[in-house]
C-alpha cells in the first residue's frame, strides 16, 4: 500500500510540474476574471487556440432575486 501511495504522489507531482508557467499564468488570469465578474471560480485550464497559449476560465455569477446564476466562460490570451 505504501508503494502505490508513493507512486501516486510521484505521478501527481510530475503532472503538476510539467507546465508550471502555464499554471501560474492561468492562476493570475483566473483571479482577474473573478475580480471583474464578482463570480465564483469553477475552473481554469491552459490550452492553445490558433497556435497561441490561452487560459479558458469558467466562473459562476449569481443572478439577482429573479434571475438564475449564470455560468460564464472567458478565454484569455497569455
PDB file of N, CA and C in Angstrom:
ATOM      1  N   UNK A   1       0.817  -1.194   0.000  1.00  0.00           N
ATOM      2  CA  UNK A   1       0.000   0.000   0.000  1.00  0.00           C
ATOM      3  C   UNK A   1       0.861   1.258   0.000  1.00  0.00           C
ATOM      4  N   UNK A   2       1.936   1.253   0.762  1.00  0.00           N
ATOM      5  CA  UNK A   2       2.807   2.423   0.783  1.00  0.00           C
ATOM      6  C   UNK A   2       3.392   2.698  -0.596  1.00  0.00           C
ATOM      7  N   UNK A   3       3.732   1.631  -1.318  1.00  0.00           N
ATOM      8  CA  UNK A   3       4.344   1.799  -2.626  1.00  0.00           C
ATOM      9  C   UNK A   3       3.395   2.474  -3.605  1.00  0.00           C
ATOM     10  N   UNK A   4       2.109   2.077  -3.628  1.00  0.00           N
ATOM     11  CA  UNK A   4       1.167   2.691  -4.553  1.00  0.00           C
ATOM     12  C   UNK A   4       0.909   4.147  -4.187  1.00  0.00           C
ATOM     13  N   UNK A   5       0.931   4.460  -2.894  1.00  0.00           N
ATOM     14  CA  UNK A   5       0.737   5.837  -2.454  1.00  0.00           C
ATOM     15  C   UNK A   5       1.910   6.709  -2.905  1.00  0.00           C
ATOM     16  N   UNK A   6       3.120   6.179  -2.768  1.00  0.00           N
ATOM     17  CA  UNK A   6       4.306   6.916  -3.204  1.00  0.00           C
ATOM     18  C   UNK A   6       4.295   7.092  -4.719  1.00  0.00           C
ATOM     19  N   UNK A   7       3.908   6.061  -5.437  1.00  0.00           N
ATOM     20  CA  UNK A   7       3.837   6.148  -6.902  1.00  0.00           C
ATOM     21  C   UNK A   7       2.811   7.184  -7.333  1.00  0.00           C
ATOM     22  N   UNK A   8       1.671   7.235  -6.652  1.00  0.00           N
ATOM     23  CA  UNK A   8       0.634   8.218  -6.973  1.00  0.00           C
ATOM     24  C   UNK A   8       1.120   9.637  -6.722  1.00  0.00           C
ATOM     25  N   UNK A   9       1.818   9.828  -5.602  1.00  0.00           N
ATOM     26  CA  UNK A   9       2.342  11.160  -5.279  1.00  0.00           C
ATOM     27  C   UNK A   9       3.376  11.590  -6.312  1.00  0.00           C
ATOM     28  N   UNK A  10       4.231  10.664  -6.746  1.00  0.00           N
ATOM     29  CA  UNK A  10       5.243  10.968  -7.748  1.00  0.00           C
ATOM     30  C   UNK A  10       4.596  11.361  -9.067  1.00  0.00           C
ATOM     31  N   UNK A  11       3.582  10.607  -9.477  1.00  0.00           N
ATOM     32  CA  UNK A  11       2.886  10.893 -10.728  1.00  0.00           C
ATOM     33  C   UNK A  11       2.203  12.251 -10.660  1.00  0.00           C
ATOM     34  N   UNK A  12       1.557  12.553  -9.544  1.00  0.00           N
ATOM     35  CA  UNK A  12       0.879  13.838  -9.387  1.00  0.00           C
ATOM     36  C   UNK A  12       1.871  14.988  -9.439  1.00  0.00           C
ATOM     37  N   UNK A  13       3.001  14.853  -8.768  1.00  0.00           N
ATOM     38  CA  UNK A  13       3.988  15.934  -8.786  1.00  0.00           C
ATOM     39  C   UNK A  13       4.578  16.111 -10.177  1.00  0.00           C
ATOM     40  N   UNK A  14       4.752  15.019 -10.919  1.00  0.00           N
ATOM     41  CA  UNK A  14       5.267  15.122 -12.283  1.00  0.00           C
ATOM     42  C   UNK A  14       4.281  15.834 -13.192  1.00  0.00           C
ATOM     43  N   UNK A  15       2.997  15.555 -13.026  1.00  0.00           N
ATOM     44  CA  UNK A  15       1.987  16.204 -13.856  1.00  0.00           C
ATOM     45  C   UNK A  15       1.891  17.691 -13.567  1.00  0.00           C
ATOM     46  N   UNK A  16       1.925  18.060 -12.293  1.00  0.00           N
ATOM     47  CA  UNK A  16       1.778  19.461 -11.943  1.00  0.00           C
ATOM     48  C   UNK A  16       3.025  20.278 -12.236  1.00  0.00           C
ATOM     49  N   UNK A  17       4.185  19.648 -12.226  1.00  0.00           N
ATOM     50  CA  UNK A  17       5.405  20.395 -12.506  1.00  0.00           C
ATOM     51  C   UNK A  17       5.733  20.436 -13.993  1.00  0.00           C
ATOM     52  N   UNK A  18       4.949  19.766 -14.814  1.00  0.00           N
ATOM     53  CA  UNK A  18       5.237  19.712 -16.249  1.00  0.00           C
ATOM     54  C   UNK A  18       5.091  21.077 -16.900  1.00  0.00           C
ATOM     55  N   UNK A  19       4.109  21.860 -16.479  1.00  0.00           N
ATOM     56  CA  UNK A  19       3.889  23.177 -17.074  1.00  0.00           C
ATOM     57  C   UNK A  19       3.644  24.219 -15.985  1.00  0.00           C
ATOM     58  N   UNK A  20       4.648  24.513 -15.146  1.00  0.00           N
ATOM     59  CA  UNK A  20       4.425  25.448 -14.050  1.00  0.00           C
ATOM     60  C   UNK A  20       4.121  26.862 -14.515  1.00  0.00           C
ATOM     61  N   UNK A  21       4.709  27.299 -15.643  1.00  0.00           N
ATOM     62  CA  UNK A  21       4.454  28.663 -16.092  1.00  0.00           C
ATOM     63  C   UNK A  21       3.023  28.816 -16.582  1.00  0.00           C
ATOM     64  N   UNK A  22       2.467  27.790 -17.223  1.00  0.00           N
ATOM     65  CA  UNK A  22       1.082  27.859 -17.668  1.00  0.00           C
ATOM     66  C   UNK A  22       0.136  27.912 -16.473  1.00  0.00           C
ATOM     67  N   UNK A  23       0.413  27.116 -15.458  1.00  0.00           N
ATOM     68  CA  UNK A  23      -0.444  27.108 -14.281  1.00  0.00           C
ATOM     69  C   UNK A  23      -0.408  28.467 -13.588  1.00  0.00           C
ATOM     70  N   UNK A  24       0.765  29.058 -13.491  1.00  0.00           N
ATOM     71  CA  UNK A  24       0.887  30.363 -12.841  1.00  0.00           C
ATOM     72  C   UNK A  24       0.160  31.427 -13.646  1.00  0.00           C
ATOM     73  N   UNK A  25       0.279  31.394 -14.968  1.00  0.00           N
ATOM     74  CA  UNK A  25      -0.392  32.376 -15.809  1.00  0.00           C
ATOM     75  C   UNK A  25      -1.909  32.243 -15.705  1.00  0.00           C
ATOM     76  N   UNK A  26      -2.420  31.025 -15.687  1.00  0.00           N
ATOM     77  CA  UNK A  26      -3.862  30.831 -15.576  1.00  0.00           C
ATOM     78  C   UNK A  26      -4.373  31.241 -14.208  1.00  0.00           C
ATOM     79  N   UNK A  27      -3.566  31.073 -13.195  1.00  0.00           N
ATOM     80  CA  UNK A  27      -3.965  31.471 -11.851  1.00  0.00           C
ATOM     81  C   UNK A  27      -4.184  32.981 -11.793  1.00  0.00           C
ATOM     82  N   UNK A  28      -3.253  33.732 -12.337  1.00  0.00           N
ATOM     83  CA  UNK A  28      -3.374  35.191 -12.343  1.00  0.00           C
ATOM     84  C   UNK A  28      -4.566  35.636 -13.194  1.00  0.00           C
ATOM     85  N   UNK A  29      -4.738  35.005 -14.340  1.00  0.00           N
ATOM     86  CA  UNK A  29      -5.867  35.339 -15.209  1.00  0.00           C
ATOM     87  C   UNK A  29      -7.194  35.004 -14.539  1.00  0.00           C
ATOM     88  N   UNK A  30      -7.226  33.869 -13.848  1.00  0.00           N
ATOM     89  CA  UNK A  30      -8.444  33.462 -13.156  1.00  0.00           C
ATOM     90  C   UNK A  30      -8.804  34.460 -12.053  1.00  0.00           C
ATOM     91  N   UNK A  31      -7.808  34.899 -11.305  1.00  0.00           N
ATOM     92  CA  UNK A  31      -8.060  35.894 -10.253  1.00  0.00           C
ATOM     93  C   UNK A  31      -8.618  37.181 -10.848  1.00  0.00           C
ATOM     94  N   UNK A  32      -8.097  37.580 -11.988  1.00  0.00           N
ATOM     95  CA  UNK A  32      -8.547  38.801 -12.643  1.00  0.00           C
ATOM     96  C   UNK A  32      -9.994  38.668 -13.111  1.00  0.00           C
ATOM     97  N   UNK A  33     -10.338  37.539 -13.721  1.00  0.00           N
ATOM     98  CA  UNK A  33     -11.710  37.323 -14.210  1.00  0.00           C
ATOM     99  C   UNK A  33     -12.694  37.272 -13.040  1.00  0.00           C
ATOM    100  N   UNK A  34     -12.318  36.601 -11.961  1.00  0.00           N
ATOM    101  CA  UNK A  34     -13.183  36.536 -10.775  1.00  0.00           C
ATOM    102  C   UNK A  34     -13.405  37.933 -10.208  1.00  0.00           C
ATOM    103  N   UNK A  35     -12.357  38.748 -10.142  1.00  0.00           N
ATOM    104  CA  UNK A  35     -12.482  40.109  -9.627  1.00  0.00           C
ATOM    105  C   UNK A  35     -13.381  40.964 -10.528  1.00  0.00           C
ATOM    106  N   UNK A  36     -13.261  40.799 -11.833  1.00  0.00           N
ATOM    107  CA  UNK A  36     -14.048  41.603 -12.770  1.00  0.00           C
ATOM    108  C   UNK A  36     -15.520  41.209 -12.785  1.00  0.00           C
ATOM    109  N   UNK A  37     -15.798  39.914 -12.648  1.00  0.00           N
ATOM    110  CA  UNK A  37     -17.184  39.444 -12.742  1.00  0.00           C
ATOM    111  C   UNK A  37     -17.877  39.355 -11.392  1.00  0.00           C
ATOM    112  N   UNK A  38     -17.095  39.283 -10.313  1.00  0.00           N
ATOM    113  CA  UNK A  38     -17.681  39.093  -8.990  1.00  0.00           C
ATOM    114  C   UNK A  38     -18.215  37.682  -8.809  1.00  0.00           C
ATOM    115  N   UNK A  39     -17.771  36.763  -9.655  1.00  0.00           N
ATOM    116  CA  UNK A  39     -18.270  35.391  -9.619  1.00  0.00           C
ATOM    117  C   UNK A  39     -17.404  34.471  -8.793  1.00  0.00           C
ATOM    118  N   UNK A  40     -17.753  33.196  -8.839  1.00  0.00           N
ATOM    119  CA  UNK A  40     -17.026  32.140  -8.140  1.00  0.00           C
ATOM    120  C   UNK A  40     -16.308  31.286  -9.178  1.00  0.00           C
ATOM    121  N   UNK A  41     -15.023  31.062  -8.987  1.00  0.00           N
ATOM    122  CA  UNK A  41     -14.231  30.294  -9.939  1.00  0.00           C
ATOM    123  C   UNK A  41     -14.668  28.831  -9.959  1.00  0.00           C
ATOM    124  N   UNK A  42     -14.970  28.329 -11.152  1.00  0.00           N
ATOM    125  CA  UNK A  42     -15.306  26.922 -11.322  1.00  0.00           C
ATOM    126  C   UNK A  42     -14.132  26.146 -11.896  1.00  0.00           C
ATOM    127  N   UNK A  43     -13.436  26.720 -12.899  1.00  0.00           N
ATOM    128  CA  UNK A  43     -12.280  26.045 -13.484  1.00  0.00           C
ATOM    129  C   UNK A  43     -11.401  27.040 -14.228  1.00  0.00           C
ATOM    130  N   UNK A  44     -10.131  26.662 -14.369  1.00  0.00           N
ATOM    131  CA  UNK A  44      -9.162  27.428 -15.159  1.00  0.00           C
ATOM    132  C   UNK A  44      -8.238  26.421 -15.813  1.00  0.00           C
ATOM    133  N   UNK A  45      -8.256  26.388 -17.142  1.00  0.00           N
ATOM    134  CA  UNK A  45      -7.472  25.403 -17.882  1.00  0.00           C
ATOM    135  C   UNK A  45      -6.613  26.086 -18.931  1.00  0.00           C
ATOM    136  N   UNK A  46      -5.361  25.671 -19.006  1.00  0.00           N
ATOM    137  CA  UNK A  46      -4.454  26.183 -20.034  1.00  0.00           C
ATOM    138  C   UNK A  46      -4.619  25.355 -21.301  1.00  0.00           C
ATOM    139  N   UNK A  47      -4.428  26.010 -22.429  1.00  0.00           N
ATOM    140  CA  UNK A  47      -4.519  25.318 -23.699  1.00  0.00           C
ATOM    141  C   UNK A  47      -3.975  26.190 -24.807  1.00  0.00           C
ATOM    142  N   UNK A  48      -4.221  25.777 -26.043  1.00  0.00           N
ATOM    143  CA  UNK A  48      -3.799  26.577 -27.192  1.00  0.00           C
ATOM    144  C   UNK A  48      -4.991  26.797 -28.113  1.00  0.00           C
ATOM    145  N   UNK A  49      -5.005  27.950 -28.741  1.00  0.00           N
ATOM    146  CA  UNK A  49      -6.042  28.292 -29.711  1.00  0.00           C
ATOM    147  C   UNK A  49      -5.351  29.033 -30.837  1.00  0.00           C
ATOM    148  N   UNK A  50      -5.432  28.477 -32.028  1.00  0.00           N
ATOM    149  CA  UNK A  50      -4.776  29.050 -33.212  1.00  0.00           C
ATOM    150  C   UNK A  50      -3.283  29.239 -32.976  1.00  0.00           C
ATOM    151  N   UNK A  51      -2.663  28.300 -32.258  1.00  0.00           N
ATOM    152  CA  UNK A  51      -1.236  28.358 -32.010  1.00  0.00           C
ATOM    153  C   UNK A  51      -0.818  29.264 -30.870  1.00  0.00           C
ATOM    154  N   UNK A  52      -1.753  29.908 -30.219  1.00  0.00           N
ATOM    155  CA  UNK A  52      -1.449  30.829 -29.120  1.00  0.00           C
ATOM    156  C   UNK A  52      -1.873  30.200 -27.796  1.00  0.00           C
ATOM    157  N   UNK A  53      -1.078  30.401 -26.749  1.00  0.00           N
ATOM    158  CA  UNK A  53      -1.409  29.895 -25.427  1.00  0.00           C
ATOM    159  C   UNK A  53      -2.536  30.734 -24.834  1.00  0.00           C
ATOM    160  N   UNK A  54      -3.567  30.064 -24.352  1.00  0.00           N
ATOM    161  CA  UNK A  54      -4.711  30.743 -23.756  1.00  0.00           C
ATOM    162  C   UNK A  54      -5.108  30.034 -22.457  1.00  0.00           C
ATOM    163  N   UNK A  55      -5.879  30.727 -21.642  1.00  0.00           N
ATOM    164  CA  UNK A  55      -6.485  30.142 -20.461  1.00  0.00           C
ATOM    165  C   UNK A  55      -7.996  30.234 -20.622  1.00  0.00           C
ATOM    166  N   UNK A  56      -8.656  29.103 -20.424  1.00  0.00           N
ATOM    167  CA  UNK A  56     -10.113  29.048 -20.501  1.00  0.00           C
ATOM    168  C   UNK A  56     -10.627  29.035 -19.063  1.00  0.00           C
ATOM    169  N   UNK A  57     -11.285  30.122 -18.665  1.00  0.00           N
ATOM    170  CA  UNK A  57     -11.693  30.321 -17.279  1.00  0.00           C
ATOM    171  C   UNK A  57     -13.210  30.335 -17.196  1.00  0.00           C
ATOM    172  N   UNK A  58     -13.763  29.524 -16.296  1.00  0.00           N
ATOM    173  CA  UNK A  58     -15.200  29.435 -16.116  1.00  0.00           C
ATOM    174  C   UNK A  58     -15.553  29.904 -14.707  1.00  0.00           C
ATOM    175  N   UNK A  59     -16.502  30.830 -14.624  1.00  0.00           N
ATOM    176  CA  UNK A  59     -16.963  31.353 -13.335  1.00  0.00           C
ATOM    177  C   UNK A  59     -18.476  31.247 -13.247  1.00  0.00           C
ATOM    178  N   UNK A  60     -18.974  31.187 -12.027  1.00  0.00           N
ATOM    179  CA  UNK A  60     -20.408  31.181 -11.766  1.00  0.00           C
ATOM    180  C   UNK A  60     -20.768  32.531 -11.180  1.00  0.00           C
ATOM    181  N   UNK A  61     -21.651  33.263 -11.879  1.00  0.00           N
ATOM    182  CA  UNK A  61     -22.062  34.601 -11.452  1.00  0.00           C
ATOM    183  C   UNK A  61     -23.499  34.523 -10.971  1.00  0.00           C
ATOM    184  N   UNK A  62     -23.729  34.953  -9.737  1.00  0.00           N
ATOM    185  CA  UNK A  62     -25.073  34.907  -9.163  1.00  0.00           C
ATOM    186  C   UNK A  62     -25.981  35.927  -9.840  1.00  0.00           C
ATOM    187  N   UNK A  63     -27.237  35.534 -10.025  1.00  0.00           N
ATOM    188  CA  UNK A  63     -28.228  36.440 -10.572  1.00  0.00           C
ATOM    189  C   UNK A  63     -28.877  37.227  -9.445  1.00  0.00           C
ATOM    190  N   UNK A  64     -29.762  38.143  -9.815  1.00  0.00           N
ATOM    191  CA  UNK A  64     -30.476  38.886  -8.776  1.00  0.00           C
ATOM    192  C   UNK A  64     -31.628  38.035  -8.243  1.00  0.00           C
ATOM    193  N   UNK A  65     -32.540  38.611  -7.526  1.00  0.00           N
ATOM    194  CA  UNK A  65     -33.616  37.856  -6.877  1.00  0.00           C
ATOM    195  C   UNK A  65     -34.485  37.081  -7.869  1.00  0.00           C
ATOM    196  N   UNK A  66     -34.592  37.554  -9.107  1.00  0.00           N
ATOM    197  CA  UNK A  66     -35.473  36.926 -10.095  1.00  0.00           C
ATOM    198  C   UNK A  66     -34.747  36.171 -11.196  1.00  0.00           C
ATOM    199  N   UNK A  67     -33.428  36.173 -11.145  1.00  0.00           N
ATOM    200  CA  UNK A  67     -32.651  35.511 -12.197  1.00  0.00           C
ATOM    201  C   UNK A  67     -31.826  34.366 -11.615  1.00  0.00           C
ATOM    202  N   UNK A  68     -31.621  33.365 -12.430  1.00  0.00           N
ATOM    203  CA  UNK A  68     -30.756  32.254 -12.046  1.00  0.00           C
ATOM    204  C   UNK A  68     -29.295  32.665 -12.191  1.00  0.00           C
ATOM    205  N   UNK A  69     -28.430  31.938 -11.514  1.00  0.00           N
ATOM    206  CA  UNK A  69     -26.992  32.147 -11.673  1.00  0.00           C
ATOM    207  C   UNK A  69     -26.595  31.776 -13.097  1.00  0.00           C
ATOM    208  N   UNK A  70     -25.521  32.420 -13.593  1.00  0.00           N
ATOM    209  CA  UNK A  70     -25.042  32.158 -14.945  1.00  0.00           C
ATOM    210  C   UNK A  70     -23.625  31.630 -14.901  1.00  0.00           C
ATOM    211  N   UNK A  71     -23.359  30.651 -15.740  1.00  0.00           N
ATOM    212  CA  UNK A  71     -22.001  30.145 -15.901  1.00  0.00           C
ATOM    213  C   UNK A  71     -21.405  30.861 -17.100  1.00  0.00           C
ATOM    214  N   UNK A  72     -20.281  31.539 -16.863  1.00  0.00           N
ATOM    215  CA  UNK A  72     -19.623  32.317 -17.910  1.00  0.00           C
ATOM    216  C   UNK A  72     -18.232  31.742 -18.138  1.00  0.00           C
ATOM    217  N   UNK A  73     -17.883  31.535 -19.409  1.00  0.00           N
ATOM    218  CA  UNK A  73     -16.546  31.064 -19.763  1.00  0.00           C
ATOM    219  C   UNK A  73     -15.843  32.153 -20.565  1.00  0.00           C
ATOM    220  N   UNK A  74     -14.633  32.476 -20.122  1.00  0.00           N
ATOM    221  CA  UNK A  74     -13.841  33.527 -20.761  1.00  0.00           C
ATOM    222  C   UNK A  74     -12.521  32.915 -21.209  1.00  0.00           C
ATOM    223  N   UNK A  75     -12.111  33.214 -22.445  1.00  0.00           N
ATOM    224  CA  UNK A  75     -10.816  32.764 -22.948  1.00  0.00           C
ATOM    225  C   UNK A  75      -9.871  33.957 -22.932  1.00  0.00           C
ATOM    226  N   UNK A  76      -8.773  33.807 -22.193  1.00  0.00           N
ATOM    227  CA  UNK A  76      -7.805  34.890 -22.003  1.00  0.00           C
ATOM    228  C   UNK A  76      -6.496  34.525 -22.681  1.00  0.00           C
ATOM    229  N   UNK A  77      -6.020  35.323 -23.651  1.00  0.00           N
ATOM    230  CA  UNK A  77      -4.720  35.043 -24.273  1.00  0.00           C
ATOM    231  C   UNK A  77      -3.596  35.299 -23.276  1.00  0.00           C
ATOM    232  N   UNK A  78      -2.532  34.531 -23.391  1.00  0.00           N
ATOM    233  CA  UNK A  78      -1.387  34.672 -22.481  1.00  0.00           C
ATOM    234  C   UNK A  78      -0.208  35.279 -23.174  1.00  0.00           C
TER     235      UNK A  78
END
